[in-house]
Amino acid sequence: IGTVGQLCNWGSFIKEEIGTDQNTDSMVIHVATTGSDSTGDGTEANPFATIQKGIDSSSYGDTVLVAVGTYVENINFNGKNIAMIGENRETTIIDGNQSGSVVTVNSGETSDAKLIGLTVTNGSAAYGGGLLIGSAYGSGSNSEITLSYLKVIGNSAVNDGGGLLIGYGNDDDGPIILNCKFINNSAARGGGLYFMGGGNESINNTLVINNTGGG
């Protein structure tokens, strides 16, 4: 726990993920605040400007590498089993701008889908202010995404799951949560995390602190 959240360079980690996790047909798609969604092509030299553009341009097994910076957007994996990796957890930030869940994953993604090394902040939604995994409305696809080395901070939900909501549709294998931090999130129920479904979620080496919400 003590080492989780230290400022570090993700370069070697990213290289390992690409080298061991990707198939020979996979692509690496680059996103940077200096990029362009209109003229960029997702290469390192000519990156996209938004994370969602990187997701939309990806295919199964691809990696979306997100450079240091603040990205004001709300993203959806849209069923893509891809790895999204931030350059540095403390300084690669997705800011939801109080405009809904910052990250939505509810279209049948498996544990091959990965979200790694970012800060998720400033989300505000009815359910799952920071991350919405599965459906909050009684039906939805199972989503088994792997969440690693995330800092989920300062998000809110009117109802359930200020930092993270694991909703319905996760009745078999649920998400894998590893080496994450949930800090200063709030909701009516489950300020840090809230579990609606009856799946087999796995949570390891994760810190939940200073969140507010009822039972």
Protein backbone atom coordinates (compact mmCIF):
# COMPACT_ATOMS: atom_id res chain seq x y z
CA ILE A 1 0.00 0.00 0.00
CA GLY A 2 2.82 2.35 0.90
CA THR A 3 4.23 2.40 -2.59
CA VAL A 4 0.89 2.81 -4.37
CA GLY A 5 0.43 6.30 -5.73
CA GLN A 6 4.06 7.37 -5.78
CA LEU A 7 4.99 9.61 -8.67
CA CYS A 8 6.72 7.37 -11.16
CA ASN A 9 7.58 7.01 -14.80
CA TRP A 10 5.34 4.45 -16.51
CA GLY A 11 7.62 4.01 -19.52
CA SER A 12 9.03 0.61 -18.61
CA PHE A 13 5.64 -0.60 -17.38
CA ILE A 14 3.97 0.46 -20.61
CA LYS A 15 6.63 -1.28 -22.68
CA GLU A 16 6.09 -4.48 -20.70
CA GLU A 17 2.32 -4.28 -21.15
CA ILE A 18 2.69 -3.82 -24.90
CA GLY A 19 5.28 -6.52 -25.23
CA THR A 20 3.44 -9.19 -23.26
CA ASP A 21 -0.22 -8.34 -23.70
CA GLN A 22 -0.62 -7.60 -27.37
CA ASN A 23 -0.99 -9.88 -30.35
CA THR A 24 1.04 -9.40 -33.50
CA ASP A 25 -1.81 -7.60 -35.26
CA SER A 26 -2.42 -5.08 -32.50
CA MET A 27 -1.74 -1.36 -32.72
CA VAL A 28 -0.54 1.29 -30.32
CA ILE A 29 -2.64 4.45 -30.51
CA HIS A 30 -1.24 7.64 -29.01
CA VAL A 31 -3.22 10.44 -27.35
CA ALA A 32 -1.73 13.75 -26.18
CA THR A 33 -3.06 17.19 -25.28
CA THR A 34 -0.92 18.54 -28.10
CA GLY A 35 -2.58 16.26 -30.65
CA SER A 36 -5.51 16.73 -33.00
CA ASP A 37 -8.63 14.66 -33.59
CA SER A 38 -9.06 16.14 -37.06
CA THR A 39 -5.53 15.87 -38.44
CA GLY A 40 -3.99 13.31 -36.09
CA ASP A 41 -3.61 9.65 -37.02
CA GLY A 42 -2.83 8.20 -33.59
CA THR A 43 0.87 7.75 -34.17
CA GLU A 44 3.43 8.94 -31.63
CA ALA A 45 4.43 11.75 -33.98
CA ASN A 46 0.83 12.74 -34.77
CA PRO A 47 -1.39 11.78 -31.81
CA PHE A 48 -5.09 12.27 -31.26
CA ALA A 49 -6.21 14.98 -28.84
CA THR A 50 -8.93 13.08 -26.96
CA ILE A 51 -9.04 9.69 -25.30
CA GLN A 52 -12.45 8.90 -26.80
CA LYS A 53 -11.04 9.37 -30.30
CA GLY A 54 -8.33 6.87 -29.40
CA ILE A 55 -10.94 4.39 -28.18
CA ASP A 56 -13.12 4.87 -31.25
CA SER A 57 -10.12 4.26 -33.51
CA SER A 58 -9.05 1.08 -31.72
CA SER A 59 -9.77 -2.60 -32.22
CA TYR A 60 -9.56 -5.67 -30.01
CA GLY A 61 -6.12 -6.02 -28.41
CA ASP A 62 -4.96 -2.49 -29.21
CA THR A 63 -3.30 -0.22 -26.66
CA VAL A 64 -4.26 3.43 -26.21
CA LEU A 65 -1.33 5.30 -24.64
CA VAL A 66 -2.35 8.56 -22.97
CA ALA A 67 0.37 11.15 -22.42
CA VAL A 68 0.61 13.32 -19.32
CA GLY A 69 -1.99 16.08 -19.23
CA THR A 70 -5.59 16.81 -18.30
CA TYR A 71 -8.31 15.52 -20.62
CA VAL A 72 -11.72 17.08 -19.97
CA GLU A 73 -14.07 14.43 -21.28
CA ASN A 74 -16.32 11.53 -20.39
CA ILE A 75 -15.23 8.30 -22.02
CA ASN A 76 -16.92 5.01 -22.88
CA PHE A 77 -15.12 1.79 -23.78
CA ASN A 78 -18.10 0.82 -26.00
CA GLY A 79 -17.38 -2.89 -25.72
CA LYS A 80 -13.73 -2.62 -26.79
CA ASN A 81 -11.30 -5.05 -25.16
CA ILE A 82 -8.34 -2.70 -25.26
CA ALA A 83 -5.69 -1.54 -22.83
CA MET A 84 -5.78 2.16 -21.97
CA ILE A 85 -2.59 3.19 -20.19
CA GLY A 86 -1.70 6.56 -18.74
CA GLU A 87 1.86 7.81 -18.77
CA ASN A 88 1.76 8.74 -15.08
CA ARG A 89 -1.07 8.15 -12.65
CA GLU A 90 -0.64 11.43 -10.80
CA THR A 91 -0.43 13.68 -13.86
CA THR A 92 -2.45 11.85 -16.52
CA ILE A 93 -5.92 13.03 -15.58
CA ILE A 94 -9.41 12.46 -16.96
CA ASP A 95 -11.64 15.30 -15.74
CA GLY A 96 -15.35 14.57 -16.10
CA ASN A 97 -16.29 18.25 -15.81
CA GLN A 98 -19.30 17.37 -13.62
CA SER A 99 -20.97 16.06 -16.79
CA GLY A 100 -21.69 12.42 -15.98
CA SER A 101 -19.61 9.35 -15.20
CA VAL A 102 -16.00 9.94 -16.12
CA VAL A 103 -15.51 6.38 -17.41
CA THR A 104 -18.32 4.05 -18.55
CA VAL A 105 -17.73 0.35 -19.16
CA ASN A 106 -21.01 -1.52 -19.67
CA SER A 107 -20.99 -3.18 -23.07
CA GLY A 108 -19.69 -6.67 -22.40
CA GLU A 109 -15.99 -5.92 -21.96
CA THR A 110 -13.93 -8.76 -20.50
CA SER A 111 -10.86 -8.75 -18.26
CA ASP A 112 -8.84 -8.23 -21.47
CA ALA A 113 -10.06 -4.63 -21.28
CA LYS A 114 -7.72 -2.65 -19.02
CA LEU A 115 -7.63 0.83 -17.55
CA ILE A 116 -4.24 1.55 -16.03
CA GLY A 117 -2.32 4.45 -14.55
CA LEU A 118 -4.63 7.49 -14.59
CA THR A 119 -6.42 9.87 -12.26
CA VAL A 120 -10.22 9.85 -12.62
CA THR A 121 -11.80 12.99 -11.17
CA ASN A 122 -14.63 15.54 -11.17
CA GLY A 123 -17.34 13.16 -12.33
CA SER A 124 -20.95 13.72 -11.31
CA ALA A 125 -23.76 11.34 -12.18
CA ALA A 126 -26.84 9.64 -10.78
CA TYR A 127 -24.80 6.43 -10.47
CA GLY A 128 -21.05 5.88 -10.66
CA GLY A 129 -19.60 9.37 -10.64
CA GLY A 130 -16.04 8.25 -11.32
CA LEU A 131 -16.49 4.86 -12.97
CA LEU A 132 -19.70 3.13 -14.03
CA ILE A 133 -19.10 -0.59 -14.59
CA GLY A 134 -22.17 -2.50 -15.78
CA SER A 135 -25.70 -1.12 -15.63
CA ALA A 136 -27.35 0.76 -12.77
CA TYR A 137 -30.84 0.13 -14.12
CA GLY A 138 -31.44 -3.59 -13.65
CA SER A 139 -30.18 -4.82 -17.00
CA GLY A 140 -26.95 -4.60 -18.90
CA SER A 141 -23.98 -6.49 -20.20
CA ASN A 142 -21.41 -8.12 -17.97
CA SER A 143 -18.22 -6.04 -17.81
CA GLU A 144 -15.09 -7.58 -16.35
CA ILE A 145 -12.55 -4.83 -17.00
CA THR A 146 -9.24 -4.84 -15.12
CA LEU A 147 -8.67 -1.59 -13.22
CA SER A 148 -5.06 -1.07 -12.14
CA TYR A 149 -3.08 1.77 -10.56
CA LEU A 150 -5.95 4.25 -10.72
CA LYS A 151 -6.48 7.27 -8.49
CA VAL A 152 -10.22 7.93 -8.27
CA ILE A 153 -10.67 11.22 -6.44
CA GLY A 154 -13.28 13.94 -6.02
CA ASN A 155 -16.23 12.32 -7.81
CA SER A 156 -19.87 12.27 -6.74
CA ALA A 157 -23.09 10.37 -7.38
CA VAL A 158 -26.60 11.41 -6.46
CA ASN A 159 -27.51 7.81 -5.65
CA ASP A 160 -24.87 5.08 -5.56
CA GLY A 161 -21.11 4.78 -6.08
CA GLY A 162 -19.38 8.13 -5.92
CA GLY A 163 -16.03 6.72 -6.97
CA LEU A 164 -17.10 3.43 -8.55
CA LEU A 165 -20.37 1.67 -9.20
CA ILE A 166 -20.33 -1.99 -10.17
CA GLY A 167 -23.87 -2.44 -11.44
CA TYR A 168 -26.12 -5.20 -12.65
CA GLY A 169 -25.02 -7.51 -15.42
CA ASN A 170 -21.93 -8.56 -13.43
CA ASP A 171 -23.44 -11.79 -12.14
CA ASP A 172 -20.53 -14.05 -13.06
CA ASP A 173 -17.01 -12.64 -13.07
CA GLY A 174 -16.83 -9.00 -12.10
CA PRO A 175 -14.09 -6.42 -12.54
CA ILE A 176 -10.56 -6.89 -11.23
CA ILE A 177 -9.43 -3.94 -9.08
CA LEU A 178 -5.72 -3.82 -8.29
CA ASN A 179 -3.51 -1.19 -6.63
CA CYS A 180 -6.10 1.59 -6.83
CA LYS A 181 -6.98 4.54 -4.60
CA PHE A 182 -10.49 5.86 -3.93
CA ILE A 183 -10.27 9.21 -2.13
CA ASN A 184 -12.73 12.00 -1.29
CA ASN A 185 -15.63 10.68 -3.34
CA SER A 186 -19.25 11.04 -2.23
CA ALA A 187 -22.68 9.52 -2.83
CA ALA A 188 -25.92 8.83 -1.01
CA ARG A 189 -24.75 5.20 -0.73
CA GLY A 190 -21.22 3.95 -1.20
CA GLY A 191 -19.12 7.09 -1.39
CA GLY A 192 -16.03 5.20 -2.52
CA LEU A 193 -17.41 2.02 -4.06
CA TYR A 194 -20.86 0.48 -4.39
CA PHE A 195 -21.71 -3.02 -5.61
CA MET A 196 -25.16 -3.67 -7.06
CA GLY A 197 -24.48 -6.92 -8.86
CA GLY A 198 -23.69 -10.29 -7.37
CA GLY A 199 -20.54 -11.00 -9.32
CA ASN A 200 -17.11 -12.23 -8.24
CA GLU A 201 -15.26 -8.95 -8.04
CA SER A 202 -11.59 -9.12 -7.11
CA ILE A 203 -10.07 -6.26 -5.08
CA ASN A 204 -6.42 -6.29 -4.04
CA ASN A 205 -4.00 -3.73 -2.56
CA THR A 206 -6.55 -0.95 -2.82
CA LEU A 207 -6.95 2.06 -0.52
CA VAL A 208 -10.40 3.54 0.23
CA ILE A 209 -10.17 6.71 2.33
CA ASN A 210 -12.16 9.85 3.22
CA ASN A 211 -15.17 8.96 1.11
CA THR A 212 -18.66 9.92 2.31
CA GLY A 213 -21.97 8.11 1.89
CA GLY A 214 -24.56 6.03 3.65
CA GLY A 215 -24.96 2.27 3.63
